[in-house]
Amino acid sequence: MACMNEDGQWIVLMGLLVAVGLFFLALVINQSVIVGQTTAEGVIEFPKNDIRNLRETVFSYAGSGDARVKEDIIAISLERKNAVVDFWIDPEIEISGHSYRPVTIHYNNGVTDYHETAYI
């Protein structure tokens, strides 16, 4: 009994360490896939192009002054994009010797709430 062969214990111990290492590695890879997926979903849900198109339309409307166009923009945004849109154009103000018209835009599609005040 004094001269037992203990080589088998080292093989079992190394196998256990490899198994724990593989389990930990699989857990880390699984978490990184989940985090990457939710990040991509967040980017997809942000309506950057919708907001850009709305800004372009509102700024072109600000030059025309037609009151019916505002109602059309609000109705089309709600119908096509399911977004509540509101905007208003304030009277001209003078900033550093230049005249600007403040345009405030509000956009909400249930996920993204966007507010902006631009000077045109």
Protein backbone atom coordinates (compact mmCIF):
# COMPACT_ATOMS: atom_id res chain seq x y z
CA MET A 1 0.00 0.00 0.00
CA ALA A 2 2.89 2.33 0.57
CA CYS A 3 3.91 2.36 -3.10
CA MET A 4 0.58 3.15 -4.87
CA ASN A 5 0.54 4.55 -8.39
CA GLU A 6 -1.05 8.04 -8.23
CA ASP A 7 -0.80 8.90 -11.96
CA GLY A 8 -4.52 8.28 -12.45
CA GLN A 9 -5.42 10.98 -9.94
CA TRP A 10 -3.51 13.60 -11.96
CA ILE A 11 -5.31 12.55 -15.14
CA VAL A 12 -8.71 12.88 -13.44
CA LEU A 13 -7.73 16.24 -11.90
CA MET A 14 -6.54 17.63 -15.26
CA GLY A 15 -9.75 16.39 -16.92
CA LEU A 16 -11.80 18.18 -14.27
CA LEU A 17 -9.85 21.42 -14.79
CA VAL A 18 -10.32 21.22 -18.57
CA ALA A 19 -14.06 20.59 -18.12
CA VAL A 20 -14.45 23.59 -15.78
CA GLY A 21 -12.45 25.76 -18.20
CA LEU A 22 -14.63 24.75 -21.15
CA PHE A 23 -17.79 25.41 -19.10
CA PHE A 24 -16.54 28.89 -18.17
CA LEU A 25 -15.56 29.64 -21.78
CA ALA A 26 -18.99 28.52 -23.05
CA LEU A 27 -20.68 30.73 -20.46
CA VAL A 28 -18.64 33.80 -21.50
CA ILE A 29 -19.31 33.21 -25.21
CA ASN A 30 -23.03 32.77 -24.55
CA GLN A 31 -23.21 36.08 -22.63
CA SER A 32 -21.32 37.97 -25.33
CA VAL A 33 -23.76 36.74 -27.96
CA ILE A 34 -26.72 37.93 -25.87
CA VAL A 35 -25.16 41.35 -25.25
CA GLY A 36 -24.35 41.75 -28.94
CA GLN A 37 -27.90 40.88 -29.91
CA THR A 38 -29.51 43.39 -27.55
CA THR A 39 -27.09 46.10 -28.69
CA ALA A 40 -27.97 45.44 -32.33
CA GLU A 41 -31.68 45.51 -31.50
CA GLY A 42 -31.24 48.89 -29.82
CA VAL A 43 -29.56 50.29 -32.90
CA ILE A 44 -32.26 48.91 -35.17
CA GLU A 45 -35.06 50.34 -33.00
CA PHE A 46 -33.67 53.87 -33.10
CA PRO A 47 -35.48 55.58 -36.00
CA LYS A 48 -32.59 57.72 -37.22
CA ASN A 49 -33.79 57.88 -40.82
CA ASP A 50 -37.35 58.69 -39.78
CA ILE A 51 -36.11 61.60 -37.67
CA ARG A 52 -33.85 62.85 -40.49
CA ASN A 53 -36.74 62.74 -42.96
CA LEU A 54 -38.98 64.54 -40.48
CA ARG A 55 -36.36 67.27 -39.93
CA GLU A 56 -35.92 67.77 -43.68
CA THR A 57 -39.67 68.00 -44.22
CA VAL A 58 -40.20 70.40 -41.31
CA PHE A 59 -37.36 72.66 -42.43
CA SER A 60 -38.75 72.80 -45.97
CA TYR A 61 -42.21 73.50 -44.51
CA ALA A 62 -40.79 76.38 -42.45
CA GLY A 63 -39.95 78.20 -45.66
CA SER A 64 -43.35 77.68 -47.30
CA GLY A 65 -45.68 78.83 -44.50
CA ASP A 66 -48.65 76.66 -45.61
CA ALA A 67 -50.75 75.76 -42.53
CA ARG A 68 -52.28 72.60 -44.06
CA VAL A 69 -48.84 71.04 -44.56
CA LYS A 70 -48.31 70.82 -40.78
CA GLU A 71 -51.52 68.85 -40.34
CA ASP A 72 -50.52 66.54 -43.21
CA ILE A 73 -47.06 65.88 -41.73
CA ILE A 74 -48.57 65.01 -38.33
CA ALA A 75 -51.22 62.73 -39.87
CA ILE A 76 -48.79 60.93 -42.22
CA SER A 77 -46.28 60.31 -39.41
CA LEU A 78 -48.97 58.79 -37.24
CA GLU A 79 -50.41 56.68 -40.05
CA ARG A 80 -47.21 55.39 -41.70
CA LYS A 81 -44.67 55.33 -38.87
CA ASN A 82 -46.94 55.06 -35.79
CA ALA A 83 -45.16 58.09 -34.40
CA VAL A 84 -46.63 61.07 -32.61
CA VAL A 85 -45.05 64.14 -34.18
CA ASP A 86 -45.48 67.77 -33.25
CA PHE A 87 -43.50 70.82 -34.22
CA TRP A 88 -43.81 74.55 -34.06
CA ILE A 89 -41.98 77.47 -35.53
CA ASP A 90 -41.38 80.48 -33.33
CA PRO A 91 -40.99 84.05 -34.59
CA GLU A 92 -37.59 85.20 -35.77
CA ILE A 93 -35.03 86.15 -33.16
CA GLU A 94 -31.69 87.87 -33.54
CA ILE A 95 -28.54 86.09 -32.41
CA SER A 96 -25.18 87.81 -32.89
CA GLY A 97 -26.55 90.07 -35.58
CA HIS A 98 -28.22 87.29 -37.59
CA SER A 99 -31.94 86.49 -37.77
CA TYR A 100 -32.96 82.90 -37.01
CA ARG A 101 -36.28 81.10 -36.65
CA PRO A 102 -36.38 78.55 -33.79
CA VAL A 103 -38.01 75.29 -34.87
CA THR A 104 -38.94 72.84 -32.10
CA ILE A 105 -39.56 69.22 -33.12
CA HIS A 106 -41.08 66.51 -30.92
CA TYR A 107 -41.03 62.84 -32.06
CA ASN A 108 -42.29 59.84 -30.06
CA ASN A 109 -42.90 56.35 -31.47
CA GLY A 110 -43.38 54.58 -28.14
CA VAL A 111 -39.74 53.49 -27.93
CA THR A 112 -37.82 56.64 -28.84
CA ASP A 113 -38.63 60.08 -27.46
CA TYR A 114 -36.80 62.82 -29.38
CA HIS A 115 -36.86 66.58 -28.84
CA GLU A 116 -34.89 69.17 -30.77
CA THR A 117 -34.78 72.92 -31.13
CA ALA A 118 -33.00 74.02 -34.28
CA TYR A 119 -32.40 77.50 -35.61
CA ILE A 120 -32.90 77.99 -39.33
